Amino acid sequence: MPFLGQDWRSPGWRWVKTEDGWKRCEPFSPALEDGNNQLNDISHTVIITGDDENEKVYSTEDCEFAAKKRKKDHFRNNTDSQCFYREKWIYVHKESTRERHGYCTLGEAFNRLDFLSAIQDIRRFNYVVKLLQLIAKSQLTSLSGAAQKNYFNILDKIVQKVMEDQYNPRLIKDLLQDLSSTLCILIRRVGKSVLVGNINIWICRLETILLWQQQLKNLQMNKQVNNGLTLSDLPLHMLNNILYRFSDGWDIITLGQVTPTLYMLSEDRQLWKKLCQYHFAEKQFCRHLIPSEKGHIDWKLMYFALQKYYPIKEQYGDTLHFCRHCSILFWKDTGHPCTASDPNTCLMPVSPQHFIDLFKF
């Protein structure tokens, strides 16, 4: 049934007629829809069971009742999957208006935006992990019960992906460390008044996090056998060019441990100076000058010193976007129903910290 919502600019909600009246249908699961189609087909047939002596013929009404019950049980038992929605965007509003009542919460946004699919995209992986890390540090208690369940489901998929693909395990180790520290503090406060759910559930989740940390600690990188050209075969100027494109100091140090040649290039003063100038303002690193034994500035030590006092610039292949015209948060490739004449002029990339700030009241 088509229905026009309270906000005439929105596409409206999908409503389903039940015995208790009309109810809004928000969640959507592709697997559930397939099951619904099969169950609907079955509900219009007559099912005959039993032997010839004890034949039982079920009416269409009985089949419909059984189909509805199976749909409900399927939805309740599908605990491992995220709550899927048709729209992969969310309207961000912080106060009630005549068109819209209530406000949008962090938990709603976390459920509506498809983060489970986003972690499969190499461009968005670091973005989602950073967002989960920020939530773990300060906003975990702001999530609803469903959003917290969704949070740990996504985290489980991230750990599985890292174990299989061996992609950026250091980033996940930092996330799990921050999350375990937060949970230890919250559990000591006898979680009911702070965390949603039974305290035993959170203790089990903490044990799972410790298990993940142990698995990542024991992770062994697979050595790829390749008879072709390797990184060491590249000319020095190309290796140096690769190092200059890194924006994280730890990545430079890690790459420098591969070969003596890369170590020599990773210790270049000019490389670390460029890195400091990229992340920090001149006034900032002028306050923390660290001279070396030869009297020169030790830019490498200064980079890590400045990192403790000031935030570094973040780079992501793809981010969430916010439409200033529609006040809608969405992934750029999925789009949203924009009414602006030139939608591209209204788009603004949203960093993980900005995502958190959008839902602070």
Foldseek 3Di string as FASTA:
>chain_A
DQDQALANVDRDFDWDQDPVGIDTDFFDDPVLVVLLVVLVVVLCDWDWDDDPVDTDIDDSVVSVVVSVVVSVVVVVPPLLDAREGPDQKDFADDADDSSGHDGDALQNNLRSHCVLVQCVDQQCVLQVLVLLLVCLQPPVLRHDPSSNSVSVSSLVVNLVCCLVVVPPLVSNLSSLVSNLVSLVVCVVVVNPVRHPDHSVVSVVVSVVSVVSNVSSVPRDDDDDDDPDDDPVPDDLVVLLVVLLPDQDLVVLVVQLVPDVSSVVSSQDQVSLVVNCVQFDPPVQLVVVFDADPVRHTRSSVSVVVSVVVDPGDDDGSFAWKAFQQRSMIRGVVSDDPDPDPDRVVRIDGAGSVNSVVSRDD
